[in-house]
Amino acid sequence: MPIYEYACAGCGHKFEALVRSGTTPECPDCHSTELNKLLSVFATTQTSAQTAPMMPSPCGSCGHPDGPGGCAFSQGAAAY
């Protein structure tokens, strides 16, 4: 049962709705079912302007002291 964000096409009201299977959401203000689904934005707890650290790039770019392919992740992948 996901929660979706909508904007009503009739009155422009923006709201969230818990959508159960087999139900059609409607605007709580005008009860219209002509809704536009909005792109949801996830909340974060980070308060600084820094960005989240990026995941390591493909093998060879992490700077492992044994050189490209020398880390345990590379060795485990080679076994498959």
PDB file of N, CA and C in Angstrom:
ATOM      1  N   MET A   1       0.845  -1.177   0.000  1.00  0.00           N
ATOM      2  CA  MET A   1       0.000   0.000   0.000  1.00  0.00           C
ATOM      3  C   MET A   1       0.893   1.243   0.000  1.00  0.00           C
ATOM      4  N   PRO A   2       1.291   1.684  -1.167  1.00  0.00           N
ATOM      5  CA  PRO A   2       2.178   2.839  -1.234  1.00  0.00           C
ATOM      6  C   PRO A   2       1.441   4.159  -1.028  1.00  0.00           C
ATOM      7  N   ILE A   3       2.195   5.152  -0.608  1.00  0.00           N
ATOM      8  CA  ILE A   3       1.686   6.517  -0.484  1.00  0.00           C
ATOM      9  C   ILE A   3       2.157   7.280  -1.713  1.00  0.00           C
ATOM     10  N   TYR A   4       1.226   7.894  -2.415  1.00  0.00           N
ATOM     11  CA  TYR A   4       1.541   8.680  -3.599  1.00  0.00           C
ATOM     12  C   TYR A   4       1.199  10.137  -3.347  1.00  0.00           C
ATOM     13  N   GLU A   5       1.891  11.016  -4.079  1.00  0.00           N
ATOM     14  CA  GLU A   5       1.582  12.443  -4.043  1.00  0.00           C
ATOM     15  C   GLU A   5       0.832  12.790  -5.329  1.00  0.00           C
ATOM     16  N   TYR A   6      -0.219  13.569  -5.173  1.00  0.00           N
ATOM     17  CA  TYR A   6      -1.049  13.944  -6.313  1.00  0.00           C
ATOM     18  C   TYR A   6      -1.295  15.442  -6.334  1.00  0.00           C
ATOM     19  N   ALA A   7      -1.646  15.941  -7.518  1.00  0.00           N
ATOM     20  CA  ALA A   7      -2.163  17.296  -7.703  1.00  0.00           C
ATOM     21  C   ALA A   7      -3.478  17.140  -8.453  1.00  0.00           C
ATOM     22  N   CYS A   8      -4.521  17.738  -7.910  1.00  0.00           N
ATOM     23  CA  CYS A   8      -5.835  17.638  -8.517  1.00  0.00           C
ATOM     24  C   CYS A   8      -5.881  18.477  -9.795  1.00  0.00           C
ATOM     25  N   ALA A   9      -6.362  17.890 -10.881  1.00  0.00           N
ATOM     26  CA  ALA A   9      -6.483  18.606 -12.147  1.00  0.00           C
ATOM     27  C   ALA A   9      -7.620  19.622 -12.095  1.00  0.00           C
ATOM     28  N   GLY A  10      -8.606  19.391 -11.211  1.00  0.00           N
ATOM     29  CA  GLY A  10      -9.745  20.297 -11.125  1.00  0.00           C
ATOM     30  C   GLY A  10      -9.473  21.549 -10.309  1.00  0.00           C
ATOM     31  N   CYS A  11      -8.975  21.368  -9.073  1.00  0.00           N
ATOM     32  CA  CYS A  11      -8.803  22.526  -8.191  1.00  0.00           C
ATOM     33  C   CYS A  11      -7.343  22.853  -7.888  1.00  0.00           C
ATOM     34  N   GLY A  12      -6.403  21.983  -8.303  1.00  0.00           N
ATOM     35  CA  GLY A  12      -4.984  22.253  -8.102  1.00  0.00           C
ATOM     36  C   GLY A  12      -4.454  21.874  -6.724  1.00  0.00           C
ATOM     37  N   HIS A  13      -5.294  21.321  -5.861  1.00  0.00           N
ATOM     38  CA  HIS A  13      -4.876  20.942  -4.511  1.00  0.00           C
ATOM     39  C   HIS A  13      -3.845  19.820  -4.568  1.00  0.00           C
ATOM     40  N   LYS A  14      -2.732  19.964  -3.796  1.00  0.00           N
ATOM     41  CA  LYS A  14      -1.709  18.925  -3.732  1.00  0.00           C
ATOM     42  C   LYS A  14      -1.886  18.165  -2.426  1.00  0.00           C
ATOM     43  N   PHE A  15      -1.788  16.829  -2.505  1.00  0.00           N
ATOM     44  CA  PHE A  15      -2.001  16.004  -1.322  1.00  0.00           C
ATOM     45  C   PHE A  15      -1.337  14.649  -1.494  1.00  0.00           C
ATOM     46  N   GLU A  16      -1.242  13.911  -0.396  1.00  0.00           N
ATOM     47  CA  GLU A  16      -0.741  12.546  -0.399  1.00  0.00           C
ATOM     48  C   GLU A  16      -1.909  11.600  -0.143  1.00  0.00           C
ATOM     49  N   ALA A  17      -1.834  10.419  -0.731  1.00  0.00           N
ATOM     50  CA  ALA A  17      -2.903   9.435  -0.529  1.00  0.00           C
ATOM     51  C   ALA A  17      -2.300   8.041  -0.416  1.00  0.00           C
ATOM     52  N   LEU A  18      -2.797   7.279   0.542  1.00  0.00           N
ATOM     53  CA  LEU A  18      -2.448   5.872   0.683  1.00  0.00           C
ATOM     54  C   LEU A  18      -3.351   5.108  -0.270  1.00  0.00           C
ATOM     55  N   VAL A  19      -2.751   4.452  -1.254  1.00  0.00           N
ATOM     56  CA  VAL A  19      -3.527   3.801  -2.308  1.00  0.00           C
ATOM     57  C   VAL A  19      -3.522   2.294  -2.099  1.00  0.00           C
ATOM     58  N   ARG A  20      -4.664   1.753  -1.801  1.00  0.00           N
ATOM     59  CA  ARG A  20      -4.836   0.310  -1.666  1.00  0.00           C
ATOM     60  C   ARG A  20      -5.225  -0.264  -3.022  1.00  0.00           C
ATOM     61  N   SER A  21      -4.924  -1.516  -3.235  1.00  0.00           N
ATOM     62  CA  SER A  21      -5.254  -2.116  -4.524  1.00  0.00           C
ATOM     63  C   SER A  21      -6.768  -2.114  -4.728  1.00  0.00           C
ATOM     64  N   GLY A  22      -7.171  -1.783  -5.923  1.00  0.00           N
ATOM     65  CA  GLY A  22      -8.591  -1.763  -6.251  1.00  0.00           C
ATOM     66  C   GLY A  22      -9.311  -0.472  -5.889  1.00  0.00           C
ATOM     67  N   THR A  23      -8.595   0.537  -5.362  1.00  0.00           N
ATOM     68  CA  THR A  23      -9.235   1.807  -5.022  1.00  0.00           C
ATOM     69  C   THR A  23      -8.716   2.907  -5.932  1.00  0.00           C
ATOM     70  N   THR A  24      -9.539   3.907  -6.142  1.00  0.00           N
ATOM     71  CA  THR A  24      -9.167   5.063  -6.936  1.00  0.00           C
ATOM     72  C   THR A  24      -9.083   6.272  -6.010  1.00  0.00           C
ATOM     73  N   PRO A  25      -7.920   6.920  -5.939  1.00  0.00           N
ATOM     74  CA  PRO A  25      -7.806   8.085  -5.063  1.00  0.00           C
ATOM     75  C   PRO A  25      -8.635   9.257  -5.584  1.00  0.00           C
ATOM     76  N   GLU A  26      -9.045  10.118  -4.666  1.00  0.00           N
ATOM     77  CA  GLU A  26      -9.787  11.315  -5.064  1.00  0.00           C
ATOM     78  C   GLU A  26      -9.298  12.496  -4.246  1.00  0.00           C
ATOM     79  N   CYS A  27      -9.503  13.690  -4.781  1.00  0.00           N
ATOM     80  CA  CYS A  27      -9.091  14.921  -4.128  1.00  0.00           C
ATOM     81  C   CYS A  27      -9.906  15.116  -2.844  1.00  0.00           C
ATOM     82  N   PRO A  28      -9.244  15.391  -1.714  1.00  0.00           N
ATOM     83  CA  PRO A  28      -9.993  15.600  -0.481  1.00  0.00           C
ATOM     84  C   PRO A  28     -10.785  16.908  -0.468  1.00  0.00           C
ATOM     85  N   ASP A  29     -10.441  17.863  -1.356  1.00  0.00           N
ATOM     86  CA  ASP A  29     -11.160  19.136  -1.398  1.00  0.00           C
ATOM     87  C   ASP A  29     -12.395  19.090  -2.287  1.00  0.00           C
ATOM     88  N   CYS A  30     -12.203  18.668  -3.560  1.00  0.00           N
ATOM     89  CA  CYS A  30     -13.333  18.717  -4.498  1.00  0.00           C
ATOM     90  C   CYS A  30     -13.844  17.326  -4.889  1.00  0.00           C
ATOM     91  N   HIS A  31     -13.188  16.278  -4.400  1.00  0.00           N
ATOM     92  CA  HIS A  31     -13.569  14.880  -4.656  1.00  0.00           C
ATOM     93  C   HIS A  31     -13.437  14.462  -6.119  1.00  0.00           C
ATOM     94  N   SER A  32     -12.630  15.183  -6.884  1.00  0.00           N
ATOM     95  CA  SER A  32     -12.375  14.810  -8.272  1.00  0.00           C
ATOM     96  C   SER A  32     -11.413  13.624  -8.306  1.00  0.00           C
ATOM     97  N   THR A  33     -11.561  12.781  -9.317  1.00  0.00           N
ATOM     98  CA  THR A  33     -10.641  11.659  -9.504  1.00  0.00           C
ATOM     99  C   THR A  33      -9.669  11.927 -10.645  1.00  0.00           C
ATOM    100  N   GLU A  34      -9.715  13.130 -11.222  1.00  0.00           N
ATOM    101  CA  GLU A  34      -8.779  13.521 -12.271  1.00  0.00           C
ATOM    102  C   GLU A  34      -7.540  14.085 -11.596  1.00  0.00           C
ATOM    103  N   LEU A  35      -6.562  13.197 -11.346  1.00  0.00           N
ATOM    104  CA  LEU A  35      -5.382  13.561 -10.584  1.00  0.00           C
ATOM    105  C   LEU A  35      -4.122  13.365 -11.407  1.00  0.00           C
ATOM    106  N   ASN A  36      -3.114  14.172 -11.123  1.00  0.00           N
ATOM    107  CA  ASN A  36      -1.799  14.025 -11.730  1.00  0.00           C
ATOM    108  C   ASN A  36      -0.852  13.529 -10.648  1.00  0.00           C
ATOM    109  N   LYS A  37      -0.199  12.395 -10.888  1.00  0.00           N
ATOM    110  CA  LYS A  37       0.744  11.855  -9.916  1.00  0.00           C
ATOM    111  C   LYS A  37       2.013  12.708  -9.956  1.00  0.00           C
ATOM    112  N   LEU A  38       2.482  13.121  -8.780  1.00  0.00           N
ATOM    113  CA  LEU A  38       3.667  13.958  -8.680  1.00  0.00           C
ATOM    114  C   LEU A  38       4.894  13.113  -8.388  1.00  0.00           C
ATOM    115  N   LEU A  39       6.051  13.658  -8.701  1.00  0.00           N
ATOM    116  CA  LEU A  39       7.310  13.013  -8.390  1.00  0.00           C
ATOM    117  C   LEU A  39       7.599  13.226  -6.915  1.00  0.00           C
ATOM    118  N   SER A  40       7.745  12.155  -6.163  1.00  0.00           N
ATOM    119  CA  SER A  40       8.008  12.253  -4.727  1.00  0.00           C
ATOM    120  C   SER A  40       9.474  12.566  -4.478  1.00  0.00           C
ATOM    121  N   VAL A  41       9.726  13.340  -3.449  1.00  0.00           N
ATOM    122  CA  VAL A  41      11.081  13.684  -3.046  1.00  0.00           C
ATOM    123  C   VAL A  41      11.331  13.036  -1.691  1.00  0.00           C
ATOM    124  N   PHE A  42      12.411  12.305  -1.586  1.00  0.00           N
ATOM    125  CA  PHE A  42      12.724  11.621  -0.343  1.00  0.00           C
ATOM    126  C   PHE A  42      13.361  12.576   0.648  1.00  0.00           C
ATOM    127  N   ALA A  43      13.011  12.443   1.897  1.00  0.00           N
ATOM    128  CA  ALA A  43      13.577  13.266   2.951  1.00  0.00           C
ATOM    129  C   ALA A  43      14.923  12.698   3.382  1.00  0.00           C
ATOM    130  N   THR A  44      15.810  13.587   3.810  1.00  0.00           N
ATOM    131  CA  THR A  44      17.105  13.166   4.325  1.00  0.00           C
ATOM    132  C   THR A  44      17.318  13.774   5.698  1.00  0.00           C
ATOM    133  N   THR A  45      18.227  13.206   6.453  1.00  0.00           N
ATOM    134  CA  THR A  45      18.521  13.736   7.774  1.00  0.00           C
ATOM    135  C   THR A  45      19.784  14.568   7.786  1.00  0.00           C
ATOM    136  N   GLN A  46      20.501  14.637   6.679  1.00  0.00           N
ATOM    137  CA  GLN A  46      21.737  15.399   6.609  1.00  0.00           C
ATOM    138  C   GLN A  46      21.408  16.880   6.552  1.00  0.00           C
ATOM    139  N   THR A  47      22.058  17.668   7.423  1.00  0.00           N
ATOM    140  CA  THR A  47      21.755  19.097   7.489  1.00  0.00           C
ATOM    141  C   THR A  47      22.800  19.960   6.810  1.00  0.00           C
ATOM    142  N   SER A  48      23.954  19.414   6.452  1.00  0.00           N
ATOM    143  CA  SER A  48      24.989  20.224   5.820  1.00  0.00           C
ATOM    144  C   SER A  48      24.780  20.253   4.310  1.00  0.00           C
ATOM    145  N   ALA A  49      25.553  21.099   3.665  1.00  0.00           N
ATOM    146  CA  ALA A  49      25.439  21.241   2.219  1.00  0.00           C
ATOM    147  C   ALA A  49      26.263  20.203   1.478  1.00  0.00           C
ATOM    148  N   GLN A  50      26.932  19.298   2.203  1.00  0.00           N
ATOM    149  CA  GLN A  50      27.740  18.274   1.569  1.00  0.00           C
ATOM    150  C   GLN A  50      26.846  17.245   0.890  1.00  0.00           C
ATOM    151  N   THR A  51      27.370  16.658  -0.159  1.00  0.00           N
ATOM    152  CA  THR A  51      26.623  15.603  -0.834  1.00  0.00           C
ATOM    153  C   THR A  51      27.006  14.254  -0.244  1.00  0.00           C
ATOM    154  N   ALA A  52      26.206  13.270  -0.470  1.00  0.00           N
ATOM    155  CA  ALA A  52      26.488  11.920   0.013  1.00  0.00           C
ATOM    156  C   ALA A  52      27.702  11.367  -0.718  1.00  0.00           C
ATOM    157  N   PRO A  53      28.528  10.576  -0.044  1.00  0.00           N
ATOM    158  CA  PRO A  53      29.694  10.013  -0.721  1.00  0.00           C
ATOM    159  C   PRO A  53      29.269   9.081  -1.848  1.00  0.00           C
ATOM    160  N   MET A  54      30.021   9.113  -2.911  1.00  0.00           N
ATOM    161  CA  MET A  54      29.721   8.276  -4.067  1.00  0.00           C
ATOM    162  C   MET A  54      30.276   6.879  -3.848  1.00  0.00           C
ATOM    163  N   MET A  55      29.639   5.910  -4.451  1.00  0.00           N
ATOM    164  CA  MET A  55      30.115   4.532  -4.392  1.00  0.00           C
ATOM    165  C   MET A  55      31.392   4.437  -5.225  1.00  0.00           C
ATOM    166  N   PRO A  56      32.274   3.494  -4.897  1.00  0.00           N
ATOM    167  CA  PRO A  56      33.506   3.346  -5.663  1.00  0.00           C
ATOM    168  C   PRO A  56      33.205   3.049  -7.132  1.00  0.00           C
ATOM    169  N   SER A  57      34.102   3.510  -7.965  1.00  0.00           N
ATOM    170  CA  SER A  57      33.980   3.263  -9.405  1.00  0.00           C
ATOM    171  C   SER A  57      34.367   1.828  -9.712  1.00  0.00           C
ATOM    172  N   PRO A  58      34.320   1.444 -10.985  1.00  0.00           N
ATOM    173  CA  PRO A  58      34.688   0.080 -11.353  1.00  0.00           C
ATOM    174  C   PRO A  58      36.100  -0.280 -10.880  1.00  0.00           C
ATOM    175  N   CYS A  59      36.378  -1.535 -10.868  1.00  0.00           N
ATOM    176  CA  CYS A  59      37.642  -2.070 -10.371  1.00  0.00           C
ATOM    177  C   CYS A  59      38.833  -1.337 -10.983  1.00  0.00           C
ATOM    178  N   GLY A  60      39.796  -1.029 -10.113  1.00  0.00           N
ATOM    179  CA  GLY A  60      41.008  -0.361 -10.568  1.00  0.00           C
ATOM    180  C   GLY A  60      41.041   1.104 -10.234  1.00  0.00           C
ATOM    181  N   SER A  61      39.941   1.683  -9.799  1.00  0.00           N
ATOM    182  CA  SER A  61      39.918   3.114  -9.520  1.00  0.00           C
ATOM    183  C   SER A  61      39.884   3.429  -8.031  1.00  0.00           C
ATOM    184  N   CYS A  62      39.914   2.398  -7.165  1.00  0.00           N
ATOM    185  CA  CYS A  62      39.806   2.644  -5.733  1.00  0.00           C
ATOM    186  C   CYS A  62      41.148   2.988  -5.101  1.00  0.00           C
ATOM    187  N   GLY A  63      42.256   2.739  -5.776  1.00  0.00           N
ATOM    188  CA  GLY A  63      43.566   3.053  -5.230  1.00  0.00           C
ATOM    189  C   GLY A  63      44.085   2.000  -4.276  1.00  0.00           C
ATOM    190  N   HIS A  64      43.661   0.747  -4.428  1.00  0.00           N
ATOM    191  CA  HIS A  64      44.136  -0.333  -3.565  1.00  0.00           C
ATOM    192  C   HIS A  64      45.655  -0.452  -3.727  1.00  0.00           C
ATOM    193  N   PRO A  65      46.411  -0.635  -2.615  1.00  0.00           N
ATOM    194  CA  PRO A  65      47.869  -0.686  -2.706  1.00  0.00           C
ATOM    195  C   PRO A  65      48.410  -1.839  -3.559  1.00  0.00           C
ATOM    196  N   ASP A  66      47.642  -2.896  -3.751  1.00  0.00           N
ATOM    197  CA  ASP A  66      48.087  -4.006  -4.593  1.00  0.00           C
ATOM    198  C   ASP A  66      47.793  -3.779  -6.071  1.00  0.00           C
ATOM    199  N   GLY A  67      47.270  -2.636  -6.410  1.00  0.00           N
ATOM    200  CA  GLY A  67      47.008  -2.306  -7.796  1.00  0.00           C
ATOM    201  C   GLY A  67      45.617  -2.698  -8.254  1.00  0.00           C
ATOM    202  N   PRO A  68      45.274  -2.408  -9.521  1.00  0.00           N
ATOM    203  CA  PRO A  68      43.954  -2.724 -10.044  1.00  0.00           C
ATOM    204  C   PRO A  68      43.645  -4.216  -9.930  1.00  0.00           C
ATOM    205  N   GLY A  69      42.488  -4.533  -9.371  1.00  0.00           N
ATOM    206  CA  GLY A  69      42.071  -5.919  -9.229  1.00  0.00           C
ATOM    207  C   GLY A  69      42.658  -6.614  -8.019  1.00  0.00           C
ATOM    208  N   GLY A  70      43.351  -5.870  -7.147  1.00  0.00           N
ATOM    209  CA  GLY A  70      44.002  -6.484  -6.008  1.00  0.00           C
ATOM    210  C   GLY A  70      43.148  -6.582  -4.762  1.00  0.00           C
ATOM    211  N   CYS A  71      41.988  -5.989  -4.747  1.00  0.00           N
ATOM    212  CA  CYS A  71      41.165  -5.994  -3.539  1.00  0.00           C
ATOM    213  C   CYS A  71      40.328  -7.272  -3.450  1.00  0.00           C
ATOM    214  N   ALA A  72      39.760  -7.499  -2.284  1.00  0.00           N
ATOM    215  CA  ALA A  72      38.952  -8.705  -2.058  1.00  0.00           C
ATOM    216  C   ALA A  72      37.687  -8.709  -2.901  1.00  0.00           C
ATOM    217  N   PHE A  73      37.154  -7.529  -3.199  1.00  0.00           N
ATOM    218  CA  PHE A  73      35.932  -7.486  -4.008  1.00  0.00           C
ATOM    219  C   PHE A  73      36.208  -8.018  -5.408  1.00  0.00           C
ATOM    220  N   SER A  74      37.328  -7.681  -5.962  1.00  0.00           N
ATOM    221  CA  SER A  74      37.674  -8.134  -7.303  1.00  0.00           C
ATOM    222  C   SER A  74      37.898  -9.640  -7.312  1.00  0.00           C
ATOM    223  N   GLN A  75      38.568 -10.166  -6.283  1.00  0.00           N
ATOM    224  CA  GLN A  75      38.852 -11.597  -6.220  1.00  0.00           C
ATOM    225  C   GLN A  75      37.577 -12.397  -6.052  1.00  0.00           C
ATOM    226  N   GLY A  76      36.613 -11.893  -5.261  1.00  0.00           N
ATOM    227  CA  GLY A  76      35.365 -12.602  -5.076  1.00  0.00           C
ATOM    228  C   GLY A  76      34.536 -12.621  -6.348  1.00  0.00           C
ATOM    229  N   ALA A  77      34.614 -11.555  -7.131  1.00  0.00           N
ATOM    230  CA  ALA A  77      33.845 -11.486  -8.369  1.00  0.00           C
ATOM    231  C   ALA A  77      34.409 -12.441  -9.416  1.00  0.00           C
ATOM    232  N   ALA A  78      35.745 -12.667  -9.367  1.00  0.00           N
ATOM    233  CA  ALA A  78      36.363 -13.520 -10.370  1.00  0.00           C
ATOM    234  C   ALA A  78      35.955 -14.980 -10.200  1.00  0.00           C
ATOM    235  N   ALA A  79      35.546 -15.357  -8.990  1.00  0.00           N
ATOM    236  CA  ALA A  79      35.173 -16.744  -8.736  1.00  0.00           C
ATOM    237  C   ALA A  79      33.843 -17.109  -9.386  1.00  0.00           C
ATOM    238  N   TYR A  80      33.061 -16.139  -9.758  1.00  0.00           N
ATOM    239  CA  TYR A  80      31.760 -16.411 -10.354  1.00  0.00           C
ATOM    240  C   TYR A  80      31.931 -16.556 -11.802  1.00  0.00           C
TER     241      TYR A  80
END
